[in-house]
Amino acid sequence: AVPTDSIADFLTQIRNAARAGKPKVTVPCSKMNLRVAEILKEEGYVDNLKVIEEGKIKFIRIHMKYLPGKKSVIQEIVRISKPGLRNYTGKAKIPRVLGGLGTAILSTSKGLMTDRKARQEGIGGEILCKGW
């Protein structure tokens, strides 16, 4: 059996919602998904998010953000590190996405953070995804 990659599924749902011009998307809630969603909000890629409970299951409802002309703020969001092939980087080699216009999200010893924050903190980690 192939291990499911919940982060990749989560990013795909966001990417598809952005491409389809949907106002919001509801995704399964996990600590990792919630933190990635929070970073997307902090970085201005999504408008808002809310954790919803349906019975014992939690979901994150993400309100998408669009520029005038229905163009999504998220143009692309890609998974970098995969379960079969982890992608780690040292603090000196943290990539800049589109010369700093985009954002990479890293999983570090101090939790999930953007590439900019990881550079400030002087720590490397696993590159989960990049978005712009």
N, C-alpha and C. Protein backbone atom coordinates (compact mmCIF):
# COMPACT_ATOMS: atom_id res chain seq x y z
N ALA A 1 0.84 -1.20 0.00
CA ALA A 1 0.00 0.00 0.00
C ALA A 1 0.87 1.25 0.00
N VAL A 2 0.43 2.24 -0.73
CA VAL A 2 1.17 3.49 -0.81
C VAL A 2 0.78 4.35 0.39
N PRO A 3 1.77 4.85 1.12
CA PRO A 3 1.39 5.70 2.26
C PRO A 3 0.72 6.97 1.73
N THR A 4 -0.41 7.34 2.30
CA THR A 4 -1.08 8.53 1.78
C THR A 4 -0.33 9.75 2.27
N ASP A 5 -0.27 10.73 1.42
CA ASP A 5 0.42 11.97 1.73
C ASP A 5 -0.65 13.03 1.97
N SER A 6 -1.02 13.18 3.25
CA SER A 6 -2.13 14.09 3.57
C SER A 6 -1.81 15.54 3.21
N ILE A 7 -0.54 15.92 3.27
CA ILE A 7 -0.19 17.29 2.91
C ILE A 7 -0.38 17.51 1.42
N ALA A 8 0.03 16.53 0.62
CA ALA A 8 -0.14 16.64 -0.83
C ALA A 8 -1.63 16.73 -1.18
N ASP A 9 -2.46 15.91 -0.50
CA ASP A 9 -3.90 15.93 -0.75
C ASP A 9 -4.46 17.31 -0.40
N PHE A 10 -4.03 17.83 0.74
CA PHE A 10 -4.46 19.12 1.23
C PHE A 10 -4.10 20.23 0.23
N LEU A 11 -2.84 20.21 -0.25
CA LEU A 11 -2.39 21.23 -1.21
C LEU A 11 -3.16 21.12 -2.52
N THR A 12 -3.45 19.88 -2.93
CA THR A 12 -4.20 19.66 -4.17
C THR A 12 -5.60 20.25 -4.06
N GLN A 13 -6.24 20.07 -2.90
CA GLN A 13 -7.58 20.63 -2.71
C GLN A 13 -7.55 22.15 -2.80
N ILE A 14 -6.53 22.76 -2.21
CA ILE A 14 -6.41 24.22 -2.27
C ILE A 14 -6.14 24.66 -3.71
N ARG A 15 -5.21 23.97 -4.39
CA ARG A 15 -4.86 24.31 -5.76
C ARG A 15 -6.09 24.22 -6.66
N ASN A 16 -6.86 23.12 -6.51
CA ASN A 16 -8.05 22.93 -7.33
C ASN A 16 -9.10 24.00 -7.06
N ALA A 17 -9.29 24.36 -5.79
CA ALA A 17 -10.27 25.39 -5.44
C ALA A 17 -9.86 26.73 -6.07
N ALA A 18 -8.54 27.02 -6.02
CA ALA A 18 -8.04 28.27 -6.59
C ALA A 18 -8.28 28.30 -8.09
N ARG A 19 -7.99 27.20 -8.77
CA ARG A 19 -8.16 27.14 -10.22
C ARG A 19 -9.63 27.22 -10.62
N ALA A 20 -10.50 26.62 -9.79
CA ALA A 20 -11.93 26.61 -10.11
C ALA A 20 -12.62 27.91 -9.67
N GLY A 21 -11.89 28.78 -8.97
CA GLY A 21 -12.47 30.03 -8.52
C GLY A 21 -13.49 29.87 -7.40
N LYS A 22 -13.32 28.81 -6.61
CA LYS A 22 -14.27 28.56 -5.51
C LYS A 22 -14.04 29.55 -4.37
N PRO A 23 -15.12 30.01 -3.73
CA PRO A 23 -14.95 30.96 -2.62
C PRO A 23 -14.32 30.32 -1.39
N LYS A 24 -14.60 29.03 -1.17
CA LYS A 24 -14.00 28.37 -0.01
C LYS A 24 -13.81 26.88 -0.28
N VAL A 25 -12.95 26.29 0.52
CA VAL A 25 -12.67 24.86 0.39
C VAL A 25 -12.60 24.29 1.80
N THR A 26 -13.13 23.08 1.98
CA THR A 26 -13.12 22.43 3.29
C THR A 26 -12.20 21.22 3.21
N VAL A 27 -11.23 21.19 4.09
CA VAL A 27 -10.22 20.12 4.08
C VAL A 27 -10.16 19.46 5.45
N PRO A 28 -9.70 18.20 5.50
CA PRO A 28 -9.57 17.52 6.79
C PRO A 28 -8.61 18.28 7.69
N CYS A 29 -8.90 18.31 8.99
CA CYS A 29 -8.05 19.03 9.93
C CYS A 29 -7.04 18.10 10.57
N SER A 30 -5.77 18.49 10.46
CA SER A 30 -4.71 17.82 11.22
C SER A 30 -3.84 18.96 11.72
N LYS A 31 -2.97 18.69 12.68
CA LYS A 31 -2.09 19.74 13.19
C LYS A 31 -1.28 20.34 12.05
N MET A 32 -0.76 19.44 11.19
CA MET A 32 0.07 19.89 10.08
C MET A 32 -0.73 20.74 9.09
N ASN A 33 -1.91 20.24 8.67
CA ASN A 33 -2.74 21.00 7.72
C ASN A 33 -3.12 22.36 8.28
N LEU A 34 -3.47 22.38 9.57
CA LEU A 34 -3.89 23.63 10.20
C LEU A 34 -2.74 24.63 10.21
N ARG A 35 -1.55 24.16 10.53
CA ARG A 35 -0.39 25.07 10.58
C ARG A 35 -0.06 25.59 9.19
N VAL A 36 -0.12 24.71 8.17
CA VAL A 36 0.15 25.15 6.80
C VAL A 36 -0.89 26.19 6.40
N ALA A 37 -2.17 25.94 6.74
CA ALA A 37 -3.25 26.88 6.42
C ALA A 37 -3.02 28.23 7.12
N GLU A 38 -2.56 28.17 8.38
CA GLU A 38 -2.29 29.41 9.13
C GLU A 38 -1.18 30.21 8.47
N ILE A 39 -0.15 29.50 8.00
CA ILE A 39 0.95 30.19 7.32
C ILE A 39 0.44 30.81 6.02
N LEU A 40 -0.40 30.09 5.28
CA LEU A 40 -0.95 30.64 4.04
C LEU A 40 -1.74 31.92 4.33
N LYS A 41 -2.44 31.92 5.47
CA LYS A 41 -3.20 33.13 5.85
C LYS A 41 -2.24 34.25 6.24
N GLU A 42 -1.24 33.92 7.08
CA GLU A 42 -0.27 34.94 7.52
C GLU A 42 0.44 35.57 6.33
N GLU A 43 0.71 34.75 5.32
CA GLU A 43 1.44 35.23 4.15
C GLU A 43 0.52 35.90 3.12
N GLY A 44 -0.78 35.92 3.42
CA GLY A 44 -1.72 36.61 2.53
C GLY A 44 -2.19 35.82 1.32
N TYR A 45 -2.04 34.50 1.36
CA TYR A 45 -2.49 33.68 0.23
C TYR A 45 -3.97 33.32 0.33
N VAL A 46 -4.48 33.23 1.54
CA VAL A 46 -5.90 32.96 1.73
C VAL A 46 -6.49 34.02 2.65
N ASP A 47 -7.81 34.23 2.51
CA ASP A 47 -8.49 35.28 3.27
C ASP A 47 -8.67 34.93 4.73
N ASN A 48 -9.19 33.73 4.97
CA ASN A 48 -9.54 33.38 6.33
C ASN A 48 -9.63 31.88 6.47
N LEU A 49 -9.63 31.39 7.71
CA LEU A 49 -9.85 29.97 7.93
C LEU A 49 -10.53 29.76 9.25
N LYS A 50 -11.24 28.65 9.33
CA LYS A 50 -12.03 28.36 10.50
C LYS A 50 -12.06 26.85 10.69
N VAL A 51 -11.85 26.40 11.94
CA VAL A 51 -11.93 24.97 12.22
C VAL A 51 -13.39 24.64 12.55
N ILE A 52 -13.92 23.64 11.86
CA ILE A 52 -15.31 23.24 12.03
C ILE A 52 -15.33 21.81 12.53
N GLU A 53 -16.22 21.52 13.48
CA GLU A 53 -16.35 20.15 13.95
C GLU A 53 -17.69 19.58 13.50
N GLU A 54 -17.61 18.42 12.87
CA GLU A 54 -18.82 17.70 12.49
C GLU A 54 -18.74 16.37 13.22
N GLY A 55 -19.48 16.27 14.30
CA GLY A 55 -19.36 15.07 15.14
C GLY A 55 -17.98 15.05 15.74
N LYS A 56 -17.27 13.94 15.53
CA LYS A 56 -15.92 13.83 16.10
C LYS A 56 -14.85 14.24 15.10
N ILE A 57 -15.28 14.56 13.88
CA ILE A 57 -14.30 14.88 12.85
C ILE A 57 -14.15 16.39 12.72
N LYS A 58 -12.90 16.84 12.59
CA LYS A 58 -12.64 18.27 12.43
C LYS A 58 -12.23 18.56 11.00
N PHE A 59 -12.70 19.69 10.53
CA PHE A 59 -12.32 20.17 9.19
C PHE A 59 -11.83 21.59 9.30
N ILE A 60 -11.07 22.01 8.29
CA ILE A 60 -10.67 23.42 8.21
C ILE A 60 -11.39 23.98 7.00
N ARG A 61 -12.15 25.05 7.22
CA ARG A 61 -12.78 25.72 6.08
C ARG A 61 -11.89 26.91 5.74
N ILE A 62 -11.37 26.89 4.52
CA ILE A 62 -10.45 27.93 4.08
C ILE A 62 -11.17 28.83 3.08
N HIS A 63 -11.20 30.12 3.39
CA HIS A 63 -11.81 31.09 2.49
C HIS A 63 -10.72 31.59 1.55
N MET A 64 -10.89 31.30 0.27
CA MET A 64 -9.89 31.63 -0.73
C MET A 64 -9.81 33.13 -0.96
N LYS A 65 -8.69 33.56 -1.50
CA LYS A 65 -8.48 35.00 -1.74
C LYS A 65 -8.24 35.21 -3.23
N TYR A 66 -8.95 36.18 -3.78
CA TYR A 66 -8.81 36.47 -5.21
C TYR A 66 -8.49 37.93 -5.45
N LEU A 67 -7.76 38.15 -6.52
CA LEU A 67 -7.45 39.51 -6.95
C LEU A 67 -8.61 39.96 -7.85
N PRO A 68 -8.71 41.26 -8.14
CA PRO A 68 -9.76 41.69 -9.06
C PRO A 68 -9.65 40.90 -10.37
N GLY A 69 -10.78 40.55 -10.94
CA GLY A 69 -10.75 39.73 -12.16
C GLY A 69 -10.71 38.25 -11.83
N LYS A 70 -11.12 37.88 -10.63
CA LYS A 70 -11.23 36.48 -10.21
C LYS A 70 -9.93 35.69 -10.33
N LYS A 71 -8.80 36.38 -10.28
CA LYS A 71 -7.52 35.67 -10.34
C LYS A 71 -7.12 35.29 -8.92
N SER A 72 -6.87 34.01 -8.70
CA SER A 72 -6.52 33.56 -7.37
C SER A 72 -5.15 34.11 -6.95
N VAL A 73 -5.03 34.44 -5.66
CA VAL A 73 -3.74 34.89 -5.13
C VAL A 73 -2.76 33.72 -5.21
N ILE A 74 -3.28 32.49 -5.01
CA ILE A 74 -2.41 31.30 -5.14
C ILE A 74 -2.38 30.91 -6.61
N GLN A 75 -1.21 31.13 -7.25
CA GLN A 75 -1.10 30.74 -8.65
C GLN A 75 -0.66 29.28 -8.75
N GLU A 76 0.23 28.91 -7.85
CA GLU A 76 0.68 27.52 -7.83
C GLU A 76 1.11 27.19 -6.42
N ILE A 77 0.89 25.93 -6.03
CA ILE A 77 1.35 25.48 -4.73
C ILE A 77 1.78 24.03 -4.95
N VAL A 78 3.03 23.74 -4.69
CA VAL A 78 3.57 22.42 -5.01
C VAL A 78 4.22 21.77 -3.80
N ARG A 79 4.05 20.46 -3.72
CA ARG A 79 4.65 19.66 -2.66
C ARG A 79 6.10 19.43 -3.05
N ILE A 80 7.03 19.64 -2.14
CA ILE A 80 8.45 19.42 -2.43
C ILE A 80 8.91 18.09 -1.81
N SER A 81 8.85 18.01 -0.50
CA SER A 81 9.29 16.81 0.20
C SER A 81 8.16 15.79 0.19
N LYS A 82 8.43 14.58 -0.27
CA LYS A 82 7.40 13.54 -0.32
C LYS A 82 7.76 12.42 0.66
N PRO A 83 6.75 11.63 1.07
CA PRO A 83 7.06 10.54 2.00
C PRO A 83 8.15 9.60 1.48
N GLY A 84 8.18 9.35 0.18
CA GLY A 84 9.18 8.45 -0.38
C GLY A 84 10.51 9.13 -0.61
N LEU A 85 10.49 10.44 -0.69
CA LEU A 85 11.72 11.18 -0.97
C LEU A 85 11.69 12.49 -0.19
N ARG A 86 12.24 12.46 0.99
CA ARG A 86 12.25 13.65 1.84
C ARG A 86 13.25 14.65 1.29
N ASN A 87 12.94 15.92 1.43
CA ASN A 87 13.81 16.97 0.92
C ASN A 87 14.19 17.91 2.07
N TYR A 88 15.41 17.74 2.57
CA TYR A 88 15.88 18.56 3.68
C TYR A 88 16.85 19.60 3.18
N THR A 89 16.95 20.70 3.89
CA THR A 89 17.90 21.73 3.51
C THR A 89 18.57 22.28 4.75
N GLY A 90 19.82 22.64 4.60
CA GLY A 90 20.53 23.30 5.70
C GLY A 90 20.17 24.77 5.70
N LYS A 91 20.50 25.47 6.78
CA LYS A 91 20.12 26.88 6.88
C LYS A 91 20.74 27.73 5.77
N ALA A 92 21.89 27.32 5.27
CA ALA A 92 22.57 28.11 4.24
C ALA A 92 21.95 27.92 2.86
N LYS A 93 21.20 26.83 2.69
CA LYS A 93 20.71 26.51 1.35
C LYS A 93 19.19 26.59 1.22
N ILE A 94 18.54 27.31 2.12
CA ILE A 94 17.08 27.45 2.03
C ILE A 94 16.76 28.16 0.72
N PRO A 95 15.91 27.55 -0.11
CA PRO A 95 15.65 28.15 -1.42
C PRO A 95 14.81 29.42 -1.33
N ARG A 96 15.02 30.30 -2.28
CA ARG A 96 14.15 31.48 -2.40
C ARG A 96 13.18 31.16 -3.52
N VAL A 97 11.89 31.32 -3.26
CA VAL A 97 10.88 31.01 -4.26
C VAL A 97 10.62 32.27 -5.08
N LEU A 98 10.84 32.16 -6.40
CA LEU A 98 10.67 33.30 -7.31
C LEU A 98 11.39 34.54 -6.77
N GLY A 99 12.64 34.36 -6.39
CA GLY A 99 13.45 35.48 -5.90
C GLY A 99 12.86 36.17 -4.67
N GLY A 100 12.13 35.38 -3.85
CA GLY A 100 11.58 35.94 -2.62
C GLY A 100 10.12 36.38 -2.76
N LEU A 101 9.56 36.29 -3.97
CA LEU A 101 8.15 36.67 -4.16
C LEU A 101 7.23 35.57 -3.67
N GLY A 102 7.68 34.33 -3.79
CA GLY A 102 6.87 33.20 -3.31
C GLY A 102 7.28 32.82 -1.90
N THR A 103 6.70 31.75 -1.42
CA THR A 103 6.96 31.31 -0.05
C THR A 103 7.20 29.80 -0.04
N ALA A 104 8.21 29.38 0.69
CA ALA A 104 8.38 27.94 0.93
C ALA A 104 8.01 27.72 2.39
N ILE A 105 7.38 26.58 2.67
CA ILE A 105 7.04 26.25 4.06
C ILE A 105 7.94 25.10 4.48
N LEU A 106 8.65 25.30 5.58
CA LEU A 106 9.58 24.30 6.09
C LEU A 106 9.11 23.75 7.42
N SER A 107 9.40 22.47 7.62
CA SER A 107 9.16 21.85 8.91
C SER A 107 10.51 21.83 9.61
N THR A 108 10.63 22.60 10.69
CA THR A 108 11.91 22.70 11.38
C THR A 108 11.78 22.17 12.79
N SER A 109 12.89 22.19 13.51
CA SER A 109 12.87 21.76 14.91
C SER A 109 12.03 22.71 15.76
N LYS A 110 11.77 23.92 15.23
CA LYS A 110 10.95 24.90 15.96
C LYS A 110 9.55 24.99 15.36
N GLY A 111 9.14 23.93 14.67
CA GLY A 111 7.80 23.93 14.08
C GLY A 111 7.79 24.37 12.64
N LEU A 112 6.60 24.47 12.06
CA LEU A 112 6.48 24.89 10.66
C LEU A 112 6.67 26.39 10.56
N MET A 113 7.38 26.81 9.53
CA MET A 113 7.58 28.24 9.31
C MET A 113 7.92 28.50 7.85
N THR A 114 7.89 29.78 7.48
CA THR A 114 8.23 30.14 6.11
C THR A 114 9.74 30.12 5.94
N ASP A 115 10.16 30.12 4.67
CA ASP A 115 11.60 30.15 4.36
C ASP A 115 12.24 31.42 4.95
N ARG A 116 11.51 32.54 4.90
CA ARG A 116 12.06 33.79 5.46
C ARG A 116 12.33 33.66 6.95
N LYS A 117 11.35 33.12 7.67
CA LYS A 117 11.48 32.98 9.12
C LYS A 117 12.62 32.00 9.46
N ALA A 118 12.71 30.91 8.70
CA ALA A 118 13.77 29.93 8.95
C ALA A 118 15.15 30.58 8.75
N ARG A 119 15.26 31.43 7.73
CA ARG A 119 16.53 32.14 7.51
C ARG A 119 16.83 33.06 8.69
N GLN A 120 15.81 33.78 9.18
CA GLN A 120 15.99 34.67 10.33
C GLN A 120 16.43 33.88 11.56
N GLU A 121 15.79 32.73 11.77
CA GLU A 121 16.09 31.89 12.94
C GLU A 121 17.42 31.15 12.77
N GLY A 122 17.90 31.09 11.52
CA GLY A 122 19.14 30.39 11.25
C GLY A 122 19.03 28.88 11.37
N ILE A 123 17.86 28.33 10.95
CA ILE A 123 17.70 26.88 11.00
C ILE A 123 17.18 26.35 9.67
N GLY A 124 17.60 25.13 9.35
CA GLY A 124 17.12 24.47 8.15
C GLY A 124 16.01 23.51 8.54
N GLY A 125 15.60 22.67 7.59
CA GLY A 125 14.55 21.71 7.89
C GLY A 125 14.07 21.03 6.63
N GLU A 126 12.88 20.45 6.73
CA GLU A 126 12.31 19.74 5.59
C GLU A 126 11.43 20.71 4.81
N ILE A 127 11.68 20.81 3.50
CA ILE A 127 10.89 21.72 2.66
C ILE A 127 9.60 21.02 2.29
N LEU A 128 8.49 21.42 2.91
CA LEU A 128 7.21 20.76 2.67
C LEU A 128 6.62 21.17 1.32
N CYS A 129 6.57 22.47 1.07
CA CYS A 129 5.94 22.93 -0.16
C CYS A 129 6.39 24.34 -0.49
N LYS A 130 6.09 24.75 -1.74
CA LYS A 130 6.35 26.11 -2.18
C LYS A 130 5.09 26.64 -2.82
N GLY A 131 4.84 27.91 -2.62
CA GLY A 131 3.67 28.52 -3.23
C GLY A 131 3.98 29.90 -3.73
N TRP A 132 3.24 30.31 -4.75
CA TRP A 132 3.35 31.69 -5.25
C TRP A 132 2.08 32.09 -5.94
